[in-house]
Amino acid sequence: MTPSDLPVAILAGGLAKRLRPLTEKVPKLLVEVAGEPFFSHQLRLLKNAGLRRIVLCAGYLGEIVVDRYGDGAKWGVHIDYSFDGPKLLGTGGALIRALPRLGDAFYILYGDSYLPVDYLDVGRSFLASGRLGLMTVYENQERYDTSNVWFAEGRIKVYDKKNKVPQMHHIDYGLGLLRARALDGWPRDDSVDLAAVYGRLVAQDQLAGYEVKQRFYEIGSPAGLAELDRLFRAGAL
């Protein structure tokens, strides 16, 4: 198994309330950034990084994405779809629902994240670690959001989005990898938070860490969307 063999699970099942009214009739993936849907930018980034198998974990207005992107052939990738169903399953629950399409190991990316990073190197680090999961981290120092990771000596010592400790200078960058076994024991067809899955892996010393030096970009907030639009139009990304 090589990193390029691994599919990318894109978590895009949320209601995108922070972007309303933009997302009242359009899913967040299709919000325009520099004249085209954000999902097109994200797919181009993944393809250029050497990753072409996509499993979109969809929910709110996901059918519109299916109609627009189909199997992904037009974008040089292959897209499969997994839907939450009648109730929202959360980030972890969506992955559990998608496991039949994801296989033994996979990347995880949020549907509102634009992460210009060496995906294959991250994947190599994960496969070499022998652990059940890997989290990319960035030394945030509170600049872009609240730091939530204590990362030291190449290891994730604490990951907690609610209870902050002084040693937290890093933040979950938004790209992870899991083996399917990391989701054993979690309820099926129920809401599960990926943060809780990561937290359990940290406690078991089963979550590897990979420090990224390039900052992250996102469209989950109006400010993030405006910034990314400006950077694309200026040719900075």
C-alpha atoms as a PDB file:
ATOM      1  CA  MET A   1       0.000   0.000   0.000  1.00  0.00           C
ATOM      2  CA  THR A   2       1.283   3.446  -0.933  1.00  0.00           C
ATOM      3  CA  PRO A   3      -0.110   6.862   0.082  1.00  0.00           C
ATOM      4  CA  SER A   4      -1.502   7.479  -3.406  1.00  0.00           C
ATOM      5  CA  ASP A   5      -3.591   4.304  -3.085  1.00  0.00           C
ATOM      6  CA  LEU A   6      -5.520   5.702  -0.133  1.00  0.00           C
ATOM      7  CA  PRO A   7      -8.907   7.355  -0.666  1.00  0.00           C
ATOM      8  CA  VAL A   8      -9.730  10.766   0.750  1.00  0.00           C
ATOM      9  CA  ALA A   9     -12.855  11.011   2.896  1.00  0.00           C
ATOM     10  CA  ILE A  10     -14.180  14.562   2.622  1.00  0.00           C
ATOM     11  CA  LEU A  11     -16.500  15.494   5.481  1.00  0.00           C
ATOM     12  CA  ALA A  12     -19.224  17.705   4.041  1.00  0.00           C
ATOM     13  CA  GLY A  13     -22.420  16.807   5.867  1.00  0.00           C
ATOM     14  CA  GLY A  14     -22.879  19.900   8.049  1.00  0.00           C
ATOM     15  CA  LEU A  15     -25.525  22.583   7.738  1.00  0.00           C
ATOM     16  CA  ALA A  16     -23.048  25.436   7.074  1.00  0.00           C
ATOM     17  CA  LYS A  17     -25.002  27.817   9.301  1.00  0.00           C
ATOM     18  CA  ARG A  18     -22.148  30.326   9.607  1.00  0.00           C
ATOM     19  CA  LEU A  19     -22.305  31.037   5.870  1.00  0.00           C
ATOM     20  CA  ARG A  20     -26.025  31.697   5.646  1.00  0.00           C
ATOM     21  CA  PRO A  21     -27.740  33.126   3.676  1.00  0.00           C
ATOM     22  CA  LEU A  22     -25.199  31.893   1.066  1.00  0.00           C
ATOM     23  CA  THR A  23     -25.860  28.276   2.035  1.00  0.00           C
ATOM     24  CA  GLU A  24     -29.636  28.315   2.361  1.00  0.00           C
ATOM     25  CA  LYS A  25     -30.014  26.785  -1.119  1.00  0.00           C
ATOM     26  CA  VAL A  26     -26.425  25.880  -2.001  1.00  0.00           C
ATOM     27  CA  PRO A  27     -24.222  23.391  -0.108  1.00  0.00           C
ATOM     28  CA  LYS A  28     -20.996  24.807   1.276  1.00  0.00           C
ATOM     29  CA  LEU A  29     -18.908  22.850  -1.243  1.00  0.00           C
ATOM     30  CA  LEU A  30     -20.546  24.794  -4.063  1.00  0.00           C
ATOM     31  CA  VAL A  31     -20.060  28.265  -2.589  1.00  0.00           C
ATOM     32  CA  GLU A  32     -18.097  30.223  -5.182  1.00  0.00           C
ATOM     33  CA  VAL A  33     -14.483  31.147  -4.544  1.00  0.00           C
ATOM     34  CA  ALA A  34     -12.760  33.227  -7.231  1.00  0.00           C
ATOM     35  CA  GLY A  35     -15.484  32.451  -9.744  1.00  0.00           C
ATOM     36  CA  GLU A  36     -15.917  28.703  -9.311  1.00  0.00           C
ATOM     37  CA  PRO A  37     -17.262  26.302  -6.664  1.00  0.00           C
ATOM     38  CA  PHE A  38     -14.917  25.664  -3.764  1.00  0.00           C
ATOM     39  CA  PHE A  39     -15.127  21.914  -4.417  1.00  0.00           C
ATOM     40  CA  SER A  40     -13.455  22.416  -7.806  1.00  0.00           C
ATOM     41  CA  HIS A  41     -10.484  24.096  -6.105  1.00  0.00           C
ATOM     42  CA  GLN A  42     -10.319  21.293  -3.553  1.00  0.00           C
ATOM     43  CA  LEU A  43     -10.449  18.533  -6.183  1.00  0.00           C
ATOM     44  CA  ARG A  44      -7.739  20.232  -8.250  1.00  0.00           C
ATOM     45  CA  LEU A  45      -5.511  20.456  -5.174  1.00  0.00           C
ATOM     46  CA  LEU A  46      -5.967  16.760  -4.351  1.00  0.00           C
ATOM     47  CA  LYS A  47      -5.432  15.622  -7.927  1.00  0.00           C
ATOM     48  CA  ASN A  48      -2.235  17.645  -8.236  1.00  0.00           C
ATOM     49  CA  ALA A  49      -1.081  16.164  -4.930  1.00  0.00           C
ATOM     50  CA  GLY A  50      -1.434  12.641  -6.337  1.00  0.00           C
ATOM     51  CA  LEU A  51      -4.725  11.673  -4.701  1.00  0.00           C
ATOM     52  CA  ARG A  52      -7.568  10.754  -7.037  1.00  0.00           C
ATOM     53  CA  ARG A  53      -9.957   8.568  -5.040  1.00  0.00           C
ATOM     54  CA  ILE A  54     -12.544  10.680  -3.239  1.00  0.00           C
ATOM     55  CA  VAL A  55     -15.344   9.549  -0.935  1.00  0.00           C
ATOM     56  CA  LEU A  56     -17.633  12.471  -0.210  1.00  0.00           C
ATOM     57  CA  CYS A  57     -19.457  12.129   3.105  1.00  0.00           C
ATOM     58  CA  ALA A  58     -22.456  14.259   2.274  1.00  0.00           C
ATOM     59  CA  GLY A  59     -25.571  15.435   4.013  1.00  0.00           C
ATOM     60  CA  TYR A  60     -27.264  18.805   3.674  1.00  0.00           C
ATOM     61  CA  LEU A  61     -28.058  19.497  -0.021  1.00  0.00           C
ATOM     62  CA  GLY A  62     -25.586  16.800  -1.032  1.00  0.00           C
ATOM     63  CA  GLU A  63     -27.715  15.753  -4.008  1.00  0.00           C
ATOM     64  CA  ILE A  64     -26.801  19.025  -5.703  1.00  0.00           C
ATOM     65  CA  VAL A  65     -23.115  18.076  -5.494  1.00  0.00           C
ATOM     66  CA  VAL A  66     -23.854  14.658  -7.021  1.00  0.00           C
ATOM     67  CA  ASP A  67     -25.717  16.292  -9.903  1.00  0.00           C
ATOM     68  CA  ARG A  68     -22.870  18.719 -10.526  1.00  0.00           C
ATOM     69  CA  TYR A  69     -19.817  16.460 -10.123  1.00  0.00           C
ATOM     70  CA  GLY A  70     -21.067  12.931 -10.758  1.00  0.00           C
ATOM     71  CA  ASP A  71     -18.261  10.362 -10.672  1.00  0.00           C
ATOM     72  CA  GLY A  72     -15.588  13.059 -10.933  1.00  0.00           C
ATOM     73  CA  ALA A  73     -14.261  11.954 -14.328  1.00  0.00           C
ATOM     74  CA  LYS A  74     -14.427  15.501 -15.673  1.00  0.00           C
ATOM     75  CA  TRP A  75     -12.022  16.571 -12.937  1.00  0.00           C
ATOM     76  CA  GLY A  76      -9.653  13.629 -13.367  1.00  0.00           C
ATOM     77  CA  VAL A  77     -10.650  11.926 -10.125  1.00  0.00           C
ATOM     78  CA  HIS A  78     -13.108   9.273  -9.022  1.00  0.00           C
ATOM     79  CA  ILE A  79     -15.813  10.369  -6.590  1.00  0.00           C
ATOM     80  CA  ASP A  80     -17.974   8.029  -4.536  1.00  0.00           C
ATOM     81  CA  TYR A  81     -20.682   9.269  -2.189  1.00  0.00           C
ATOM     82  CA  SER A  82     -21.856   8.321   1.288  1.00  0.00           C
ATOM     83  CA  PHE A  83     -24.920  10.017   2.781  1.00  0.00           C
ATOM     84  CA  ASP A  84     -25.736  10.418   6.469  1.00  0.00           C
ATOM     85  CA  GLY A  85     -29.354   9.412   6.008  1.00  0.00           C
ATOM     86  CA  PRO A  86     -32.321  10.734   8.019  1.00  0.00           C
ATOM     87  CA  LYS A  87     -30.213  12.161  10.865  1.00  0.00           C
ATOM     88  CA  LEU A  88     -26.860  13.866  11.103  1.00  0.00           C
ATOM     89  CA  LEU A  89     -24.151  11.421  12.155  1.00  0.00           C
ATOM     90  CA  GLY A  90     -21.407  13.887  13.035  1.00  0.00           C
ATOM     91  CA  THR A  91     -17.890  13.769  11.638  1.00  0.00           C
ATOM     92  CA  GLY A  92     -16.997  10.397  13.118  1.00  0.00           C
ATOM     93  CA  GLY A  93     -20.371   8.845  12.407  1.00  0.00           C
ATOM     94  CA  ALA A  94     -20.138   9.890   8.764  1.00  0.00           C
ATOM     95  CA  LEU A  95     -16.807   8.075   8.480  1.00  0.00           C
ATOM     96  CA  ILE A  96     -18.275   4.953  10.061  1.00  0.00           C
ATOM     97  CA  ARG A  97     -21.143   5.045   7.567  1.00  0.00           C
ATOM     98  CA  ALA A  98     -18.622   5.391   4.707  1.00  0.00           C
ATOM     99  CA  LEU A  99     -16.287   2.564   5.797  1.00  0.00           C
ATOM    100  CA  PRO A 100     -17.468   0.108   3.111  1.00  0.00           C
ATOM    101  CA  ARG A 101     -16.284   2.642   0.511  1.00  0.00           C
ATOM    102  CA  LEU A 102     -13.105   3.649   2.329  1.00  0.00           C
ATOM    103  CA  GLY A 103     -11.424   0.338   2.989  1.00  0.00           C
ATOM    104  CA  ASP A 104      -8.643  -0.334   5.483  1.00  0.00           C
ATOM    105  CA  ALA A 105      -7.024   3.125   5.602  1.00  0.00           C
ATOM    106  CA  PHE A 106      -7.863   6.607   4.342  1.00  0.00           C
ATOM    107  CA  TYR A 107      -7.194  10.323   4.503  1.00  0.00           C
ATOM    108  CA  ILE A 108      -9.716  12.641   6.189  1.00  0.00           C
ATOM    109  CA  LEU A 109     -10.296  16.204   5.008  1.00  0.00           C
ATOM    110  CA  TYR A 110     -12.985  18.722   5.923  1.00  0.00           C
ATOM    111  CA  GLY A 111     -15.215  20.004   3.156  1.00  0.00           C
ATOM    112  CA  ASP A 112     -14.404  23.624   3.979  1.00  0.00           C
ATOM    113  CA  SER A 113     -10.601  23.262   4.209  1.00  0.00           C
ATOM    114  CA  TYR A 114      -8.008  24.231   1.637  1.00  0.00           C
ATOM    115  CA  LEU A 115      -4.705  22.732   2.765  1.00  0.00           C
ATOM    116  CA  PRO A 116      -1.643  23.283   0.527  1.00  0.00           C
ATOM    117  CA  VAL A 117       0.521  20.515   1.989  1.00  0.00           C
ATOM    118  CA  ASP A 118       2.494  17.495   0.754  1.00  0.00           C
ATOM    119  CA  TYR A 119      -0.281  14.924   1.117  1.00  0.00           C
ATOM    120  CA  LEU A 120       1.845  11.982   0.005  1.00  0.00           C
ATOM    121  CA  ASP A 121       4.539  12.749   2.577  1.00  0.00           C
ATOM    122  CA  VAL A 122       1.873  12.928   5.274  1.00  0.00           C
ATOM    123  CA  GLY A 123       0.567   9.560   4.072  1.00  0.00           C
ATOM    124  CA  ARG A 124       4.044   8.034   4.118  1.00  0.00           C
ATOM    125  CA  SER A 125       4.537   9.228   7.693  1.00  0.00           C
ATOM    126  CA  PHE A 126       1.244   7.626   8.705  1.00  0.00           C
ATOM    127  CA  LEU A 127       2.007   4.272   7.092  1.00  0.00           C
ATOM    128  CA  ALA A 128       5.495   4.227   8.612  1.00  0.00           C
ATOM    129  CA  SER A 129       4.168   5.052  12.103  1.00  0.00           C
ATOM    130  CA  GLY A 130       2.298   1.779  12.522  1.00  0.00           C
ATOM    131  CA  ARG A 131      -0.375   3.643  14.486  1.00  0.00           C
ATOM    132  CA  LEU A 132      -4.126   3.634  13.961  1.00  0.00           C
ATOM    133  CA  GLY A 133      -4.290   7.328  13.190  1.00  0.00           C
ATOM    134  CA  LEU A 134      -2.358  10.451  12.338  1.00  0.00           C
ATOM    135  CA  MET A 135      -3.185  14.103  12.912  1.00  0.00           C
ATOM    136  CA  THR A 136      -1.456  16.966  11.135  1.00  0.00           C
ATOM    137  CA  VAL A 137      -0.778  19.918  13.428  1.00  0.00           C
ATOM    138  CA  TYR A 138       0.252  23.532  12.879  1.00  0.00           C
ATOM    139  CA  GLU A 139       1.953  25.861  15.370  1.00  0.00           C
ATOM    140  CA  ASN A 140      -0.942  28.243  15.511  1.00  0.00           C
ATOM    141  CA  GLN A 141      -0.033  30.302  18.598  1.00  0.00           C
ATOM    142  CA  GLU A 142      -3.693  31.450  18.665  1.00  0.00           C
ATOM    143  CA  ARG A 143      -3.312  33.322  15.361  1.00  0.00           C
ATOM    144  CA  TYR A 144      -6.084  31.787  13.263  1.00  0.00           C
ATOM    145  CA  ASP A 145      -8.165  29.890  15.814  1.00  0.00           C
ATOM    146  CA  THR A 146      -7.886  28.486  19.323  1.00  0.00           C
ATOM    147  CA  SER A 147      -4.910  26.162  19.768  1.00  0.00           C
ATOM    148  CA  ASN A 148      -6.044  22.724  20.924  1.00  0.00           C
ATOM    149  CA  VAL A 149      -2.996  20.429  20.677  1.00  0.00           C
ATOM    150  CA  TRP A 150      -0.008  19.894  22.942  1.00  0.00           C
ATOM    151  CA  PHE A 151       2.603  18.684  20.473  1.00  0.00           C
ATOM    152  CA  ALA A 152       6.125  18.050  21.717  1.00  0.00           C
ATOM    153  CA  GLU A 153       9.032  15.778  20.811  1.00  0.00           C
ATOM    154  CA  GLY A 154       7.199  14.755  17.660  1.00  0.00           C
ATOM    155  CA  ARG A 155       4.231  13.422  19.607  1.00  0.00           C
ATOM    156  CA  ILE A 156       0.690  14.535  20.307  1.00  0.00           C
ATOM    157  CA  LYS A 157       0.511  14.586  24.084  1.00  0.00           C
ATOM    158  CA  VAL A 158      -2.917  16.178  24.487  1.00  0.00           C
ATOM    159  CA  TYR A 159      -5.720  16.964  22.048  1.00  0.00           C
ATOM    160  CA  ASP A 160      -8.757  18.654  23.561  1.00  0.00           C
ATOM    161  CA  LYS A 161     -11.064  21.214  21.966  1.00  0.00           C
ATOM    162  CA  LYS A 162     -12.798  22.086  25.252  1.00  0.00           C
ATOM    163  CA  ASN A 163     -10.221  21.948  28.041  1.00  0.00           C
ATOM    164  CA  LYS A 164      -7.148  24.049  27.278  1.00  0.00           C
ATOM    165  CA  VAL A 165      -3.754  23.559  28.915  1.00  0.00           C
ATOM    166  CA  PRO A 166      -0.876  26.078  28.761  1.00  0.00           C
ATOM    167  CA  GLN A 167       1.291  23.801  26.599  1.00  0.00           C
ATOM    168  CA  MET A 168      -1.180  23.950  23.710  1.00  0.00           C
ATOM    169  CA  HIS A 169       0.535  25.970  20.973  1.00  0.00           C
ATOM    170  CA  HIS A 170      -0.582  23.865  17.995  1.00  0.00           C
ATOM    171  CA  ILE A 171      -3.924  23.317  16.319  1.00  0.00           C
ATOM    172  CA  ASP A 172      -5.473  20.407  14.442  1.00  0.00           C
ATOM    173  CA  TYR A 173      -4.543  21.395  10.878  1.00  0.00           C
ATOM    174  CA  GLY A 174      -7.560  19.653   9.363  1.00  0.00           C
ATOM    175  CA  LEU A 175      -5.948  16.699   7.582  1.00  0.00           C
ATOM    176  CA  GLY A 176      -5.849  13.282   9.205  1.00  0.00           C
ATOM    177  CA  LEU A 177      -5.532   9.606   8.414  1.00  0.00           C
ATOM    178  CA  LEU A 178      -7.170   6.614  10.034  1.00  0.00           C
ATOM    179  CA  ARG A 179      -7.196   2.891   9.772  1.00  0.00           C
ATOM    180  CA  ALA A 180     -10.705   1.463   9.791  1.00  0.00           C
ATOM    181  CA  ARG A 181      -9.854  -0.360  13.036  1.00  0.00           C
ATOM    182  CA  ALA A 182      -9.645   3.022  14.782  1.00  0.00           C
ATOM    183  CA  LEU A 183     -13.431   3.166  14.553  1.00  0.00           C
ATOM    184  CA  ASP A 184     -14.039  -0.238  16.142  1.00  0.00           C
ATOM    185  CA  GLY A 185     -16.264  -0.040  19.191  1.00  0.00           C
ATOM    186  CA  TRP A 186     -17.957   3.231  18.254  1.00  0.00           C
ATOM    187  CA  PRO A 187     -21.731   3.123  17.701  1.00  0.00           C
ATOM    188  CA  ARG A 188     -23.076   2.590  14.204  1.00  0.00           C
ATOM    189  CA  ASP A 189     -25.819   4.794  12.748  1.00  0.00           C
ATOM    190  CA  ASP A 190     -25.448   7.289  15.576  1.00  0.00           C
ATOM    191  CA  SER A 191     -23.732  10.619  16.057  1.00  0.00           C
ATOM    192  CA  VAL A 192     -19.987  10.329  16.725  1.00  0.00           C
ATOM    193  CA  ASP A 193     -17.545  13.246  16.904  1.00  0.00           C
ATOM    194  CA  LEU A 194     -14.206  12.688  15.174  1.00  0.00           C
ATOM    195  CA  ALA A 195     -12.587  14.721  17.975  1.00  0.00           C
ATOM    196  CA  ALA A 196     -13.660  12.022  20.435  1.00  0.00           C
ATOM    197  CA  VAL A 197     -12.139   9.335  18.198  1.00  0.00           C
ATOM    198  CA  TYR A 198      -8.862  11.256  18.073  1.00  0.00           C
ATOM    199  CA  GLY A 199      -8.978  11.780  21.845  1.00  0.00           C
ATOM    200  CA  ARG A 200      -9.287   8.058  22.484  1.00  0.00           C
ATOM    201  CA  LEU A 201      -6.395   7.351  20.107  1.00  0.00           C
ATOM    202  CA  VAL A 202      -4.205   9.857  21.965  1.00  0.00           C
ATOM    203  CA  ALA A 203      -5.001   8.100  25.251  1.00  0.00           C
ATOM    204  CA  GLN A 204      -3.966   4.792  23.657  1.00  0.00           C
ATOM    205  CA  ASP A 205      -0.789   6.294  22.122  1.00  0.00           C
ATOM    206  CA  GLN A 206      -2.225   5.388  18.732  1.00  0.00           C
ATOM    207  CA  LEU A 207      -2.319   8.872  17.165  1.00  0.00           C
ATOM    208  CA  ALA A 208       0.822   9.898  15.307  1.00  0.00           C
ATOM    209  CA  GLY A 209       1.608  13.567  14.754  1.00  0.00           C
ATOM    210  CA  TYR A 210       2.870  15.388  11.671  1.00  0.00           C
ATOM    211  CA  GLU A 211       3.799  19.061  11.950  1.00  0.00           C
ATOM    212  CA  VAL A 212       2.899  21.239   8.967  1.00  0.00           C
ATOM    213  CA  LYS A 213       4.630  24.582   8.416  1.00  0.00           C
ATOM    214  CA  GLN A 214       2.198  26.022   5.817  1.00  0.00           C
ATOM    215  CA  ARG A 215      -0.883  27.632   7.357  1.00  0.00           C
ATOM    216  CA  PHE A 216      -4.370  26.398   6.602  1.00  0.00           C
ATOM    217  CA  TYR A 217      -7.203  28.156   4.749  1.00  0.00           C
ATOM    218  CA  GLU A 218     -10.934  27.649   5.138  1.00  0.00           C
ATOM    219  CA  ILE A 219     -14.314  28.792   3.865  1.00  0.00           C
ATOM    220  CA  GLY A 220     -16.267  27.812   6.963  1.00  0.00           C
ATOM    221  CA  SER A 221     -16.551  31.442   8.058  1.00  0.00           C
ATOM    222  CA  PRO A 222     -17.344  34.608   6.089  1.00  0.00           C
ATOM    223  CA  ALA A 223     -13.878  35.985   6.913  1.00  0.00           C
ATOM    224  CA  GLY A 224     -12.148  32.791   5.785  1.00  0.00           C
ATOM    225  CA  LEU A 225     -14.164  32.708   2.574  1.00  0.00           C
ATOM    226  CA  ALA A 226     -13.330  36.331   1.771  1.00  0.00           C
ATOM    227  CA  GLU A 227      -9.616  35.770   2.468  1.00  0.00           C
ATOM    228  CA  LEU A 228      -9.371  32.663   0.270  1.00  0.00           C
ATOM    229  CA  ASP A 229     -11.272  34.372  -2.534  1.00  0.00           C
ATOM    230  CA  ARG A 230      -8.845  37.281  -2.396  1.00  0.00           C
ATOM    231  CA  LEU A 231      -5.773  35.001  -2.373  1.00  0.00           C
ATOM    232  CA  PHE A 232      -6.987  32.971  -5.367  1.00  0.00           C
ATOM    233  CA  ARG A 233      -7.777  36.096  -7.375  1.00  0.00           C
ATOM    234  CA  ALA A 234      -4.317  37.471  -6.590  1.00  0.00           C
ATOM    235  CA  GLY A 235      -2.664  34.227  -7.713  1.00  0.00           C
ATOM    236  CA  ALA A 236      -1.169  33.690  -4.258  1.00  0.00           C
ATOM    237  CA  LEU A 237      -2.386  30.089  -4.057  1.00  0.00           C
END
